[in-house]
Amino acid sequence: MQHFLRLAGFLRAAAGTEEEQAKNFQWGLRRLPMLLATMRSFMREMMRILSDRTS
């Protein structure tokens, strides 16, 4: 239990204040569409390469 409490204390300090957490969360939400588009493009390219290899 003591180990868990030390870990929880460390994570709380690393996460920052509530304002910092909210700011980082909003930043992540704004970047999410770009990340998803990049991943879709990457997966399409991988599927094309695999399809070319099997045909």
N, C-alpha and C. Protein backbone atom coordinates (compact mmCIF):
# COMPACT_ATOMS: atom_id res chain seq x y z
N MET A 1 0.83 -1.20 0.00
CA MET A 1 0.00 0.00 0.00
C MET A 1 0.87 1.26 0.00
N GLN A 2 1.95 1.21 0.78
CA GLN A 2 2.85 2.37 0.85
C GLN A 2 3.46 2.66 -0.53
N HIS A 3 3.81 1.60 -1.24
CA HIS A 3 4.38 1.76 -2.59
C HIS A 3 3.37 2.46 -3.51
N PHE A 4 2.12 2.04 -3.44
CA PHE A 4 1.07 2.64 -4.26
C PHE A 4 0.92 4.13 -3.94
N LEU A 5 0.93 4.46 -2.66
CA LEU A 5 0.77 5.86 -2.26
C LEU A 5 1.94 6.72 -2.74
N ARG A 6 3.16 6.17 -2.70
CA ARG A 6 4.30 6.92 -3.22
C ARG A 6 4.17 7.13 -4.72
N LEU A 7 3.75 6.09 -5.43
CA LEU A 7 3.58 6.19 -6.88
C LEU A 7 2.48 7.20 -7.22
N ALA A 8 1.37 7.14 -6.51
CA ALA A 8 0.27 8.08 -6.76
C ALA A 8 0.71 9.52 -6.51
N GLY A 9 1.50 9.73 -5.46
CA GLY A 9 2.02 11.07 -5.17
C GLY A 9 2.93 11.57 -6.27
N PHE A 10 3.77 10.68 -6.79
CA PHE A 10 4.67 11.05 -7.88
C PHE A 10 3.88 11.42 -9.13
N LEU A 11 2.90 10.61 -9.47
CA LEU A 11 2.11 10.87 -10.67
C LEU A 11 1.32 12.17 -10.55
N ARG A 12 0.81 12.44 -9.38
CA ARG A 12 0.06 13.68 -9.18
C ARG A 12 0.98 14.88 -9.41
N ALA A 13 2.21 14.81 -8.89
CA ALA A 13 3.15 15.91 -9.07
C ALA A 13 3.54 16.05 -10.54
N ALA A 14 3.70 14.93 -11.23
CA ALA A 14 4.11 14.96 -12.64
C ALA A 14 2.99 15.49 -13.53
N ALA A 15 1.74 15.30 -13.12
CA ALA A 15 0.61 15.72 -13.95
C ALA A 15 0.41 17.22 -13.93
N GLY A 16 0.89 17.89 -12.90
CA GLY A 16 0.76 19.34 -12.83
C GLY A 16 -0.56 19.76 -12.18
N THR A 17 -0.81 21.04 -12.23
CA THR A 17 -2.03 21.58 -11.64
C THR A 17 -3.23 21.24 -12.52
N GLU A 18 -4.40 21.49 -11.99
CA GLU A 18 -5.62 21.24 -12.77
C GLU A 18 -5.64 22.09 -14.04
N GLU A 19 -5.16 23.32 -13.95
CA GLU A 19 -5.13 24.19 -15.13
C GLU A 19 -4.18 23.64 -16.19
N GLU A 20 -3.01 23.15 -15.76
CA GLU A 20 -2.05 22.57 -16.71
C GLU A 20 -2.62 21.32 -17.36
N GLN A 21 -3.29 20.49 -16.56
CA GLN A 21 -3.89 19.27 -17.10
C GLN A 21 -4.96 19.62 -18.13
N ALA A 22 -5.80 20.60 -17.83
CA ALA A 22 -6.85 21.01 -18.77
C ALA A 22 -6.25 21.55 -20.05
N LYS A 23 -5.19 22.35 -19.92
CA LYS A 23 -4.52 22.91 -21.10
C LYS A 23 -3.93 21.80 -21.96
N ASN A 24 -3.27 20.83 -21.34
CA ASN A 24 -2.69 19.72 -22.10
C ASN A 24 -3.77 18.86 -22.75
N PHE A 25 -4.89 18.66 -22.07
CA PHE A 25 -5.99 17.87 -22.62
C PHE A 25 -6.57 18.56 -23.84
N GLN A 26 -6.77 19.87 -23.75
CA GLN A 26 -7.30 20.62 -24.89
C GLN A 26 -6.32 20.60 -26.05
N TRP A 27 -5.02 20.70 -25.77
CA TRP A 27 -4.00 20.64 -26.81
C TRP A 27 -4.09 19.29 -27.52
N GLY A 28 -4.24 18.22 -26.74
CA GLY A 28 -4.34 16.88 -27.33
C GLY A 28 -5.57 16.73 -28.21
N LEU A 29 -6.68 17.29 -27.76
CA LEU A 29 -7.91 17.21 -28.56
C LEU A 29 -7.77 17.96 -29.89
N ARG A 30 -7.07 19.08 -29.87
CA ARG A 30 -6.87 19.83 -31.12
C ARG A 30 -5.96 19.07 -32.08
N ARG A 31 -5.02 18.29 -31.55
CA ARG A 31 -4.07 17.56 -32.39
C ARG A 31 -4.61 16.20 -32.83
N LEU A 32 -5.67 15.72 -32.22
CA LEU A 32 -6.19 14.39 -32.50
C LEU A 32 -6.59 14.20 -33.97
N PRO A 33 -7.32 15.11 -34.61
CA PRO A 33 -7.67 14.89 -36.03
C PRO A 33 -6.45 14.73 -36.93
N MET A 34 -5.40 15.50 -36.67
CA MET A 34 -4.18 15.39 -37.48
C MET A 34 -3.53 14.02 -37.26
N LEU A 35 -3.49 13.57 -36.02
CA LEU A 35 -2.90 12.27 -35.71
C LEU A 35 -3.69 11.15 -36.37
N LEU A 36 -5.01 11.22 -36.30
CA LEU A 36 -5.84 10.18 -36.91
C LEU A 36 -5.68 10.16 -38.43
N ALA A 37 -5.60 11.32 -39.05
CA ALA A 37 -5.41 11.38 -40.50
C ALA A 37 -4.07 10.78 -40.89
N THR A 38 -3.04 11.05 -40.11
CA THR A 38 -1.72 10.48 -40.37
C THR A 38 -1.75 8.97 -40.25
N MET A 39 -2.40 8.47 -39.21
CA MET A 39 -2.48 7.02 -39.01
C MET A 39 -3.28 6.35 -40.13
N ARG A 40 -4.38 6.98 -40.56
CA ARG A 40 -5.16 6.40 -41.66
C ARG A 40 -4.34 6.34 -42.93
N SER A 41 -3.59 7.40 -43.21
CA SER A 41 -2.74 7.42 -44.39
C SER A 41 -1.68 6.33 -44.32
N PHE A 42 -1.07 6.18 -43.17
CA PHE A 42 -0.06 5.15 -42.97
C PHE A 42 -0.66 3.76 -43.17
N MET A 43 -1.83 3.52 -42.60
CA MET A 43 -2.47 2.20 -42.72
C MET A 43 -2.87 1.92 -44.17
N ARG A 44 -3.37 2.94 -44.88
CA ARG A 44 -3.71 2.75 -46.29
C ARG A 44 -2.48 2.34 -47.10
N GLU A 45 -1.37 3.01 -46.84
CA GLU A 45 -0.13 2.70 -47.55
C GLU A 45 0.34 1.28 -47.22
N MET A 46 0.24 0.89 -45.97
CA MET A 46 0.65 -0.46 -45.57
C MET A 46 -0.25 -1.51 -46.25
N MET A 47 -1.54 -1.26 -46.31
CA MET A 47 -2.46 -2.20 -46.95
C MET A 47 -2.16 -2.29 -48.45
N ARG A 48 -1.82 -1.16 -49.07
CA ARG A 48 -1.48 -1.17 -50.49
C ARG A 48 -0.23 -2.01 -50.73
N ILE A 49 0.77 -1.84 -49.90
CA ILE A 49 2.02 -2.60 -50.04
C ILE A 49 1.76 -4.08 -49.86
N LEU A 50 0.99 -4.43 -48.83
CA LEU A 50 0.69 -5.85 -48.59
C LEU A 50 -0.13 -6.44 -49.72
N SER A 51 -1.06 -5.65 -50.26
CA SER A 51 -1.88 -6.12 -51.36
C SER A 51 -1.03 -6.36 -52.60
N ASP A 52 -0.08 -5.47 -52.87
CA ASP A 52 0.81 -5.63 -54.02
C ASP A 52 1.68 -6.87 -53.89
N ARG A 53 2.08 -7.20 -52.69
CA ARG A 53 2.93 -8.37 -52.46
C ARG A 53 2.18 -9.68 -52.67
N THR A 54 0.90 -9.68 -52.36
CA THR A 54 0.13 -10.93 -52.46
C THR A 54 -0.44 -11.16 -53.85
N SER A 55 -0.44 -10.14 -54.69
CA SER A 55 -1.02 -10.33 -56.03
C SER A 55 0.04 -10.63 -57.07
